[in-house]
Amino acid sequence: MKRTIKRNIGILASCLFAAAIAAPTLVFADCNALDQNAEWNQGLSKLQNQVESAQYKEALETAKPLFAICQDSPALLYFTGLAMRGTGDAERATVYFQKSSESLSIMAAEPGMSRLIWYTRYEAEHPESTPEALEEKDRNLKSLARQVAELNDEKHSLEISSTELSVASSYEATNYLQVMWTGIGIGIGGLALTATGLGLMLNKKSIVELNNGKLTERDAYTAGWALLGSGIGLTAAGIVTASIGGYHYSKAKDDAVLSFQVSPMGTSFHMTF
């Protein structure tokens, strides 16, 4: 009984030792003999051609049996990642690029392939650093610079237009201000004539005596009416002229407020700035 147990233990230990030695040999046996594997060489070449021809879905189908031969091949992982990126699965493609670069510590690759693998991994992990992204950023910056320049040009044009309008408005306001004051002067002259005419009419006797009879009362009365009529006409003309000038002046210069009041008791004019 004891001999049987010892024999079984010995057999079991021998099996476990053999399995421990054989396991890594089975895993890496095919990967170490890939140069002599026609199926592998044909499949990998076909995979590369399909990726380069943008046949990404077909490339993924081609890659499946190759993983059964050697799943640690940097080239296989690299081309599979390219095919996944081509189908739009950028996230899984990045994982395969990372596995491809890590597998370089297990299996050697040509220097050119190694550089491509590491560059593609960096490009996948830093999409903002790719030439396409940098070109797009440069295009966006140039477009933004053009927009800023256009806005500055428009702003400058608006400033020039505003200045021109301000100058034109100021010039127009000055002209209307002159018209307004001319009307006011005419109105004041008319009021003076009106007062003189009323004075002649009301004081015709005193005026005749003052002139030692050289002027008759009728002449003084007639002259008074003439002056009164002229004064009233000039006063009305002055009011109309000043009103027109003042109205347009207030429109051209918004900070000025003008008002006129005419009543039987007199005429008033107000200007507020």
C-alpha atoms as a PDB file:
ATOM      1  CA  MET A   1       0.000   0.000   0.000  1.00  0.00           C
ATOM      2  CA  LYS A   2       2.742   2.397   0.953  1.00  0.00           C
ATOM      3  CA  ARG A   3       4.668   1.494  -2.191  1.00  0.00           C
ATOM      4  CA  THR A   4       1.570   2.196  -4.308  1.00  0.00           C
ATOM      5  CA  ILE A   5       1.061   5.620  -2.710  1.00  0.00           C
ATOM      6  CA  LYS A   6       4.708   6.515  -3.181  1.00  0.00           C
ATOM      7  CA  ARG A   7       4.590   5.360  -6.789  1.00  0.00           C
ATOM      8  CA  ASN A   8       1.460   7.462  -7.490  1.00  0.00           C
ATOM      9  CA  ILE A   9       3.031  10.518  -5.841  1.00  0.00           C
ATOM     10  CA  GLY A  10       6.126  10.071  -7.942  1.00  0.00           C
ATOM     11  CA  ILE A  11       4.090   9.758 -11.132  1.00  0.00           C
ATOM     12  CA  LEU A  12       2.070  12.890 -10.256  1.00  0.00           C
ATOM     13  CA  ALA A  13       5.187  14.913  -9.498  1.00  0.00           C
ATOM     14  CA  SER A  14       6.762  13.782 -12.755  1.00  0.00           C
ATOM     15  CA  CYS A  15       3.658  14.870 -14.690  1.00  0.00           C
ATOM     16  CA  LEU A  16       3.571  18.251 -13.031  1.00  0.00           C
ATOM     17  CA  PHE A  17       7.273  18.808 -13.705  1.00  0.00           C
ATOM     18  CA  ALA A  18       6.854  17.785 -17.328  1.00  0.00           C
ATOM     19  CA  ALA A  19       3.870  20.088 -17.738  1.00  0.00           C
ATOM     20  CA  ALA A  20       5.775  22.996 -16.210  1.00  0.00           C
ATOM     21  CA  ILE A  21       8.589  22.476 -18.676  1.00  0.00           C
ATOM     22  CA  ALA A  22       6.365  21.791 -21.683  1.00  0.00           C
ATOM     23  CA  ALA A  23       3.870  24.700 -21.152  1.00  0.00           C
ATOM     24  CA  PRO A  24       6.097  27.607 -22.182  1.00  0.00           C
ATOM     25  CA  THR A  25       7.523  25.499 -24.956  1.00  0.00           C
ATOM     26  CA  LEU A  26       4.000  25.004 -26.366  1.00  0.00           C
ATOM     27  CA  VAL A  27       3.101  28.691 -26.089  1.00  0.00           C
ATOM     28  CA  PHE A  28       6.170  30.072 -27.803  1.00  0.00           C
ATOM     29  CA  ALA A  29       6.946  27.167 -30.127  1.00  0.00           C
ATOM     30  CA  ASP A  30       4.997  28.532 -33.106  1.00  0.00           C
ATOM     31  CA  CYS A  31       6.029  32.180 -32.429  1.00  0.00           C
ATOM     32  CA  ASN A  32       9.673  31.124 -32.536  1.00  0.00           C
ATOM     33  CA  ALA A  33       9.237  29.365 -35.864  1.00  0.00           C
ATOM     34  CA  LEU A  34       7.129  31.897 -37.704  1.00  0.00           C
ATOM     35  CA  ASP A  35       9.606  32.247 -40.563  1.00  0.00           C
ATOM     36  CA  GLN A  36       8.946  28.623 -41.551  1.00  0.00           C
ATOM     37  CA  ASN A  37       5.144  28.903 -41.133  1.00  0.00           C
ATOM     38  CA  ALA A  38       3.666  29.429 -44.625  1.00  0.00           C
ATOM     39  CA  GLU A  39       0.139  29.994 -43.285  1.00  0.00           C
ATOM     40  CA  TRP A  40       1.413  32.741 -41.004  1.00  0.00           C
ATOM     41  CA  ASN A  41       3.502  34.475 -43.656  1.00  0.00           C
ATOM     42  CA  GLN A  42       0.698  34.433 -46.231  1.00  0.00           C
ATOM     43  CA  GLY A  43      -1.905  35.576 -43.680  1.00  0.00           C
ATOM     44  CA  LEU A  44       0.230  38.430 -42.324  1.00  0.00           C
ATOM     45  CA  SER A  45       1.057  39.622 -45.852  1.00  0.00           C
ATOM     46  CA  LYS A  46      -2.623  39.515 -46.768  1.00  0.00           C
ATOM     47  CA  LEU A  47      -3.510  41.397 -43.573  1.00  0.00           C
ATOM     48  CA  GLN A  48      -0.997  44.155 -44.367  1.00  0.00           C
ATOM     49  CA  ASN A  49      -2.250  44.499 -47.957  1.00  0.00           C
ATOM     50  CA  GLN A  50      -5.867  44.715 -46.806  1.00  0.00           C
ATOM     51  CA  VAL A  51      -5.044  47.423 -44.256  1.00  0.00           C
ATOM     52  CA  GLU A  52      -3.087  49.401 -46.832  1.00  0.00           C
ATOM     53  CA  SER A  53      -6.039  49.038 -49.257  1.00  0.00           C
ATOM     54  CA  ALA A  54      -8.478  50.293 -46.569  1.00  0.00           C
ATOM     55  CA  GLN A  55     -10.257  46.897 -46.456  1.00  0.00           C
ATOM     56  CA  TYR A  56     -10.531  47.121 -42.717  1.00  0.00           C
ATOM     57  CA  LYS A  57     -13.396  44.689 -42.052  1.00  0.00           C
ATOM     58  CA  GLU A  58     -11.791  42.025 -44.251  1.00  0.00           C
ATOM     59  CA  ALA A  59      -8.492  42.636 -42.460  1.00  0.00           C
ATOM     60  CA  LEU A  60     -10.079  41.910 -39.092  1.00  0.00           C
ATOM     61  CA  GLU A  61     -11.402  38.613 -40.417  1.00  0.00           C
ATOM     62  CA  THR A  62      -7.948  37.760 -41.757  1.00  0.00           C
ATOM     63  CA  ALA A  63      -6.365  38.509 -38.369  1.00  0.00           C
ATOM     64  CA  LYS A  64      -8.529  36.074 -36.362  1.00  0.00           C
ATOM     65  CA  PRO A  65      -6.799  32.798 -37.372  1.00  0.00           C
ATOM     66  CA  LEU A  66      -3.393  34.457 -37.064  1.00  0.00           C
ATOM     67  CA  PHE A  67      -3.958  35.103 -33.353  1.00  0.00           C
ATOM     68  CA  ALA A  68      -4.393  31.358 -32.918  1.00  0.00           C
ATOM     69  CA  ILE A  69      -0.860  30.933 -34.261  1.00  0.00           C
ATOM     70  CA  CYS A  70       0.913  33.733 -32.354  1.00  0.00           C
ATOM     71  CA  GLN A  71      -1.012  36.272 -30.344  1.00  0.00           C
ATOM     72  CA  ASP A  72       2.123  38.104 -29.191  1.00  0.00           C
ATOM     73  CA  SER A  73       3.329  39.181 -32.629  1.00  0.00           C
ATOM     74  CA  PRO A  74       3.990  42.953 -32.638  1.00  0.00           C
ATOM     75  CA  ALA A  75       3.219  43.153 -36.376  1.00  0.00           C
ATOM     76  CA  LEU A  76      -0.073  41.269 -36.002  1.00  0.00           C
ATOM     77  CA  LEU A  77      -1.167  43.475 -33.107  1.00  0.00           C
ATOM     78  CA  TYR A  78      -0.077  46.605 -34.985  1.00  0.00           C
ATOM     79  CA  PHE A  79      -1.967  45.844 -38.233  1.00  0.00           C
ATOM     80  CA  THR A  80      -5.021  44.728 -36.264  1.00  0.00           C
ATOM     81  CA  GLY A  81      -4.983  48.049 -34.429  1.00  0.00           C
ATOM     82  CA  LEU A  82      -4.798  49.890 -37.766  1.00  0.00           C
ATOM     83  CA  ALA A  83      -7.782  47.914 -39.046  1.00  0.00           C
ATOM     84  CA  MET A  84      -9.788  48.717 -35.896  1.00  0.00           C
ATOM     85  CA  ARG A  85      -8.928  52.396 -36.217  1.00  0.00           C
ATOM     86  CA  GLY A  86     -10.049  52.250 -39.835  1.00  0.00           C
ATOM     87  CA  THR A  87     -13.475  50.939 -38.788  1.00  0.00           C
ATOM     88  CA  GLY A  88     -13.832  53.820 -36.331  1.00  0.00           C
ATOM     89  CA  ASP A  89     -13.032  51.905 -33.133  1.00  0.00           C
ATOM     90  CA  ALA A  90     -10.225  54.214 -32.015  1.00  0.00           C
ATOM     91  CA  GLU A  91     -10.429  53.174 -28.359  1.00  0.00           C
ATOM     92  CA  ARG A  92      -9.787  49.448 -29.007  1.00  0.00           C
ATOM     93  CA  ALA A  93      -7.205  50.374 -31.636  1.00  0.00           C
ATOM     94  CA  THR A  94      -5.232  52.263 -28.990  1.00  0.00           C
ATOM     95  CA  VAL A  95      -5.282  49.169 -26.762  1.00  0.00           C
ATOM     96  CA  TYR A  96      -3.843  47.063 -29.592  1.00  0.00           C
ATOM     97  CA  PHE A  97      -1.134  49.650 -30.300  1.00  0.00           C
ATOM     98  CA  GLN A  98      -0.181  49.539 -26.628  1.00  0.00           C
ATOM     99  CA  LYS A  99      -0.081  45.714 -26.657  1.00  0.00           C
ATOM    100  CA  SER A 100       1.997  45.831 -29.842  1.00  0.00           C
ATOM    101  CA  SER A 101       4.633  48.075 -28.255  1.00  0.00           C
ATOM    102  CA  GLU A 102       4.673  45.970 -25.085  1.00  0.00           C
ATOM    103  CA  SER A 103       5.121  42.772 -27.095  1.00  0.00           C
ATOM    104  CA  LEU A 104       8.411  44.113 -28.452  1.00  0.00           C
ATOM    105  CA  SER A 105       9.944  43.001 -25.152  1.00  0.00           C
ATOM    106  CA  ILE A 106       8.861  39.421 -25.972  1.00  0.00           C
ATOM    107  CA  MET A 107       9.437  39.301 -29.719  1.00  0.00           C
ATOM    108  CA  ALA A 108      11.867  41.329 -31.768  1.00  0.00           C
ATOM    109  CA  ALA A 109      10.731  43.305 -34.801  1.00  0.00           C
ATOM    110  CA  GLU A 110      12.460  45.142 -37.593  1.00  0.00           C
ATOM    111  CA  PRO A 111      13.733  48.608 -36.578  1.00  0.00           C
ATOM    112  CA  GLY A 112      11.378  50.284 -39.031  1.00  0.00           C
ATOM    113  CA  MET A 113       8.397  48.364 -37.687  1.00  0.00           C
ATOM    114  CA  SER A 114       9.413  49.135 -34.105  1.00  0.00           C
ATOM    115  CA  ARG A 115       9.524  52.862 -34.866  1.00  0.00           C
ATOM    116  CA  LEU A 116       6.095  52.688 -36.538  1.00  0.00           C
ATOM    117  CA  ILE A 117       4.633  50.847 -33.574  1.00  0.00           C
ATOM    118  CA  TRP A 118       5.913  53.322 -31.005  1.00  0.00           C
ATOM    119  CA  TYR A 119       4.998  56.351 -33.128  1.00  0.00           C
ATOM    120  CA  THR A 120       1.489  55.013 -33.774  1.00  0.00           C
ATOM    121  CA  ARG A 121       0.979  54.338 -30.082  1.00  0.00           C
ATOM    122  CA  TYR A 122       2.050  57.878 -29.170  1.00  0.00           C
ATOM    123  CA  GLU A 123      -0.172  59.258 -31.906  1.00  0.00           C
ATOM    124  CA  ALA A 124      -3.149  57.255 -30.632  1.00  0.00           C
ATOM    125  CA  GLU A 125      -2.567  58.292 -27.009  1.00  0.00           C
ATOM    126  CA  HIS A 126      -1.974  61.945 -27.949  1.00  0.00           C
ATOM    127  CA  PRO A 127      -4.362  62.706 -30.834  1.00  0.00           C
ATOM    128  CA  GLU A 128      -3.818  66.439 -30.376  1.00  0.00           C
ATOM    129  CA  SER A 129      -0.174  66.005 -31.425  1.00  0.00           C
ATOM    130  CA  THR A 130      -0.790  64.329 -34.781  1.00  0.00           C
ATOM    131  CA  PRO A 131       0.136  66.249 -37.968  1.00  0.00           C
ATOM    132  CA  GLU A 132      -3.533  66.309 -38.972  1.00  0.00           C
ATOM    133  CA  ALA A 133      -4.544  67.751 -35.588  1.00  0.00           C
ATOM    134  CA  LEU A 134      -1.763  70.331 -35.751  1.00  0.00           C
ATOM    135  CA  GLU A 135      -2.781  71.317 -39.273  1.00  0.00           C
ATOM    136  CA  GLU A 136      -6.410  71.604 -38.170  1.00  0.00           C
ATOM    137  CA  LYS A 137      -5.341  73.731 -35.196  1.00  0.00           C
ATOM    138  CA  ASP A 138      -3.281  75.938 -37.503  1.00  0.00           C
ATOM    139  CA  ARG A 139      -6.240  76.306 -39.876  1.00  0.00           C
ATOM    140  CA  ASN A 140      -8.509  77.224 -36.966  1.00  0.00           C
ATOM    141  CA  LEU A 141      -6.019  79.806 -35.697  1.00  0.00           C
ATOM    142  CA  LYS A 142      -5.692  81.336 -39.162  1.00  0.00           C
ATOM    143  CA  SER A 143      -9.474  81.396 -39.538  1.00  0.00           C
ATOM    144  CA  LEU A 144      -9.814  83.043 -36.122  1.00  0.00           C
ATOM    145  CA  ALA A 145      -7.142  85.596 -37.070  1.00  0.00           C
ATOM    146  CA  ARG A 146      -9.054  86.420 -40.273  1.00  0.00           C
ATOM    147  CA  GLN A 147     -12.284  86.840 -38.325  1.00  0.00           C
ATOM    148  CA  VAL A 148     -10.570  89.139 -35.818  1.00  0.00           C
ATOM    149  CA  ALA A 149      -9.058  91.168 -38.668  1.00  0.00           C
ATOM    150  CA  GLU A 150     -12.458  91.431 -40.355  1.00  0.00           C
ATOM    151  CA  LEU A 151     -14.068  92.509 -37.082  1.00  0.00           C
ATOM    152  CA  ASN A 152     -11.340  95.114 -36.578  1.00  0.00           C
ATOM    153  CA  ASP A 153     -11.893  96.376 -40.125  1.00  0.00           C
ATOM    154  CA  GLU A 154     -15.634  96.576 -39.528  1.00  0.00           C
ATOM    155  CA  LYS A 155     -15.058  98.326 -36.204  1.00  0.00           C
ATOM    156  CA  HIS A 156     -12.690 100.791 -37.873  1.00  0.00           C
ATOM    157  CA  SER A 157     -15.220 101.418 -40.645  1.00  0.00           C
ATOM    158  CA  LEU A 158     -17.964 101.971 -38.082  1.00  0.00           C
ATOM    159  CA  GLU A 159     -15.744 104.372 -36.149  1.00  0.00           C
ATOM    160  CA  ILE A 160     -14.995 106.319 -39.326  1.00  0.00           C
ATOM    161  CA  SER A 161     -18.682 106.377 -40.255  1.00  0.00           C
ATOM    162  CA  SER A 162     -19.592 107.475 -36.750  1.00  0.00           C
ATOM    163  CA  THR A 163     -16.983 110.248 -36.880  1.00  0.00           C
ATOM    164  CA  GLU A 164     -18.200 111.373 -40.289  1.00  0.00           C
ATOM    165  CA  LEU A 165     -21.805 111.387 -39.090  1.00  0.00           C
ATOM    166  CA  SER A 166     -20.808 113.301 -35.968  1.00  0.00           C
ATOM    167  CA  VAL A 167     -18.946 115.915 -38.034  1.00  0.00           C
ATOM    168  CA  ALA A 168     -21.828 116.169 -40.502  1.00  0.00           C
ATOM    169  CA  SER A 169     -24.336 116.435 -37.669  1.00  0.00           C
ATOM    170  CA  SER A 170     -22.249 119.115 -35.930  1.00  0.00           C
ATOM    171  CA  TYR A 171     -21.896 121.084 -39.186  1.00  0.00           C
ATOM    172  CA  GLU A 172     -25.625 120.779 -39.851  1.00  0.00           C
ATOM    173  CA  ALA A 173     -26.436 121.813 -36.284  1.00  0.00           C
ATOM    174  CA  THR A 174     -24.195 124.897 -36.652  1.00  0.00           C
ATOM    175  CA  ASN A 175     -26.050 125.976 -39.794  1.00  0.00           C
ATOM    176  CA  TYR A 176     -29.439 125.561 -38.180  1.00  0.00           C
ATOM    177  CA  LEU A 177     -28.210 127.377 -35.092  1.00  0.00           C
ATOM    178  CA  GLN A 178     -27.291 130.338 -37.301  1.00  0.00           C
ATOM    179  CA  VAL A 179     -30.764 130.248 -38.877  1.00  0.00           C
ATOM    180  CA  MET A 180     -32.337 130.149 -35.420  1.00  0.00           C
ATOM    181  CA  TRP A 181     -30.403 133.157 -34.165  1.00  0.00           C
ATOM    182  CA  THR A 182     -31.129 135.036 -37.392  1.00  0.00           C
ATOM    183  CA  GLY A 183     -34.810 134.422 -36.799  1.00  0.00           C
ATOM    184  CA  ILE A 184     -34.482 135.587 -33.226  1.00  0.00           C
ATOM    185  CA  GLY A 185     -32.758 138.769 -34.424  1.00  0.00           C
ATOM    186  CA  ILE A 186     -35.497 139.385 -36.990  1.00  0.00           C
ATOM    187  CA  GLY A 187     -38.143 138.825 -34.320  1.00  0.00           C
ATOM    188  CA  ILE A 188     -36.443 141.266 -31.934  1.00  0.00           C
ATOM    189  CA  GLY A 189     -36.249 143.860 -34.722  1.00  0.00           C
ATOM    190  CA  GLY A 190     -39.926 143.291 -35.462  1.00  0.00           C
ATOM    191  CA  LEU A 191     -40.836 143.771 -31.812  1.00  0.00           C
ATOM    192  CA  ALA A 192     -38.881 147.028 -31.808  1.00  0.00           C
ATOM    193  CA  LEU A 193     -40.745 148.290 -34.893  1.00  0.00           C
ATOM    194  CA  THR A 194     -44.044 147.208 -33.368  1.00  0.00           C
ATOM    195  CA  ALA A 195     -43.278 149.133 -30.183  1.00  0.00           C
ATOM    196  CA  THR A 196     -42.238 152.197 -32.175  1.00  0.00           C
ATOM    197  CA  GLY A 197     -45.420 152.070 -34.271  1.00  0.00           C
ATOM    198  CA  LEU A 198     -47.605 151.812 -31.182  1.00  0.00           C
ATOM    199  CA  GLY A 199     -45.703 154.713 -29.674  1.00  0.00           C
ATOM    200  CA  LEU A 200     -46.370 156.897 -32.727  1.00  0.00           C
ATOM    201  CA  MET A 201     -50.032 156.011 -32.749  1.00  0.00           C
ATOM    202  CA  LEU A 202     -50.558 156.602 -29.055  1.00  0.00           C
ATOM    203  CA  ASN A 203     -48.393 159.711 -28.716  1.00  0.00           C
ATOM    204  CA  LYS A 204     -48.984 161.424 -32.063  1.00  0.00           C
ATOM    205  CA  LYS A 205     -49.727 164.813 -30.483  1.00  0.00           C
ATOM    206  CA  SER A 206     -46.528 164.846 -28.440  1.00  0.00           C
ATOM    207  CA  ILE A 207     -44.527 163.843 -31.497  1.00  0.00           C
ATOM    208  CA  VAL A 208     -46.090 166.638 -33.596  1.00  0.00           C
ATOM    209  CA  GLU A 209     -45.260 169.193 -30.890  1.00  0.00           C
ATOM    210  CA  LEU A 210     -41.779 167.778 -30.609  1.00  0.00           C
ATOM    211  CA  ASN A 211     -41.266 168.382 -34.346  1.00  0.00           C
ATOM    212  CA  ASN A 212     -42.666 172.000 -34.164  1.00  0.00           C
ATOM    213  CA  GLY A 213     -45.502 171.238 -36.526  1.00  0.00           C
ATOM    214  CA  LYS A 214     -43.314 169.831 -39.254  1.00  0.00           C
ATOM    215  CA  LEU A 215     -45.139 166.518 -38.803  1.00  0.00           C
ATOM    216  CA  THR A 216     -48.940 166.372 -38.728  1.00  0.00           C
ATOM    217  CA  GLU A 217     -50.895 164.007 -36.540  1.00  0.00           C
ATOM    218  CA  ARG A 218     -52.154 162.204 -39.610  1.00  0.00           C
ATOM    219  CA  ASP A 219     -48.604 161.631 -40.790  1.00  0.00           C
ATOM    220  CA  ALA A 220     -47.605 160.345 -37.347  1.00  0.00           C
ATOM    221  CA  TYR A 221     -50.659 158.115 -37.228  1.00  0.00           C
ATOM    222  CA  THR A 222     -49.950 156.702 -40.704  1.00  0.00           C
ATOM    223  CA  ALA A 223     -46.288 156.145 -39.863  1.00  0.00           C
ATOM    224  CA  GLY A 224     -47.291 154.416 -36.636  1.00  0.00           C
ATOM    225  CA  TRP A 225     -49.545 152.016 -38.503  1.00  0.00           C
ATOM    226  CA  ALA A 226     -46.824 151.347 -41.063  1.00  0.00           C
ATOM    227  CA  LEU A 227     -44.255 150.611 -38.393  1.00  0.00           C
ATOM    228  CA  LEU A 228     -46.752 148.533 -36.431  1.00  0.00           C
ATOM    229  CA  GLY A 229     -47.585 146.409 -39.483  1.00  0.00           C
ATOM    230  CA  SER A 230     -43.945 145.997 -40.423  1.00  0.00           C
ATOM    231  CA  GLY A 231     -43.044 145.122 -36.859  1.00  0.00           C
ATOM    232  CA  ILE A 232     -45.779 142.514 -36.605  1.00  0.00           C
ATOM    233  CA  GLY A 233     -44.719 141.002 -39.936  1.00  0.00           C
ATOM    234  CA  LEU A 234     -41.045 140.911 -38.983  1.00  0.00           C
ATOM    235  CA  THR A 235     -41.884 139.469 -35.587  1.00  0.00           C
ATOM    236  CA  ALA A 236     -43.935 136.687 -37.162  1.00  0.00           C
ATOM    237  CA  ALA A 237     -41.200 136.009 -39.740  1.00  0.00           C
ATOM    238  CA  GLY A 238     -38.582 135.908 -36.977  1.00  0.00           C
ATOM    239  CA  ILE A 239     -40.655 133.495 -34.921  1.00  0.00           C
ATOM    240  CA  VAL A 240     -41.184 131.182 -37.917  1.00  0.00           C
ATOM    241  CA  THR A 241     -37.501 131.339 -38.916  1.00  0.00           C
ATOM    242  CA  ALA A 242     -36.268 130.766 -35.363  1.00  0.00           C
ATOM    243  CA  SER A 243     -38.746 127.913 -34.893  1.00  0.00           C
ATOM    244  CA  ILE A 244     -37.605 126.148 -38.060  1.00  0.00           C
ATOM    245  CA  GLY A 245     -33.925 126.604 -37.242  1.00  0.00           C
ATOM    246  CA  GLY A 246     -34.390 125.615 -33.615  1.00  0.00           C
ATOM    247  CA  TYR A 247     -36.429 122.532 -34.488  1.00  0.00           C
ATOM    248  CA  HIS A 248     -33.805 121.188 -36.902  1.00  0.00           C
ATOM    249  CA  TYR A 249     -31.012 122.155 -34.519  1.00  0.00           C
ATOM    250  CA  SER A 250     -32.600 120.091 -31.751  1.00  0.00           C
ATOM    251  CA  LYS A 251     -32.796 117.116 -34.155  1.00  0.00           C
ATOM    252  CA  ALA A 252     -29.178 117.430 -35.250  1.00  0.00           C
ATOM    253  CA  LYS A 253     -27.938 117.989 -31.699  1.00  0.00           C
ATOM    254  CA  ASP A 254     -29.816 115.704 -29.340  1.00  0.00           C
ATOM    255  CA  ASP A 255     -28.588 117.356 -26.154  1.00  0.00           C
ATOM    256  CA  ALA A 256     -30.321 120.656 -27.015  1.00  0.00           C
ATOM    257  CA  VAL A 257     -33.949 121.320 -26.165  1.00  0.00           C
ATOM    258  CA  LEU A 258     -35.600 124.384 -27.680  1.00  0.00           C
ATOM    259  CA  SER A 259     -39.076 125.740 -27.029  1.00  0.00           C
ATOM    260  CA  PHE A 260     -41.071 128.752 -28.224  1.00  0.00           C
ATOM    261  CA  GLN A 261     -44.186 130.204 -26.716  1.00  0.00           C
ATOM    262  CA  VAL A 262     -46.350 132.829 -28.393  1.00  0.00           C
ATOM    263  CA  SER A 263     -49.300 134.404 -26.598  1.00  0.00           C
ATOM    264  CA  PRO A 264     -51.255 137.672 -26.733  1.00  0.00           C
ATOM    265  CA  MET A 265     -49.110 138.848 -23.827  1.00  0.00           C
ATOM    266  CA  GLY A 266     -45.795 138.286 -25.619  1.00  0.00           C
ATOM    267  CA  THR A 267     -43.344 135.783 -27.047  1.00  0.00           C
ATOM    268  CA  SER A 268     -40.850 133.667 -25.107  1.00  0.00           C
ATOM    269  CA  PHE A 269     -37.937 131.545 -26.237  1.00  0.00           C
ATOM    270  CA  HIS A 270     -36.185 128.882 -24.163  1.00  0.00           C
ATOM    271  CA  MET A 271     -33.009 126.916 -24.885  1.00  0.00           C
ATOM    272  CA  THR A 272     -31.774 124.157 -22.579  1.00  0.00           C
ATOM    273  CA  PHE A 273     -28.564 122.097 -22.965  1.00  0.00           C
END
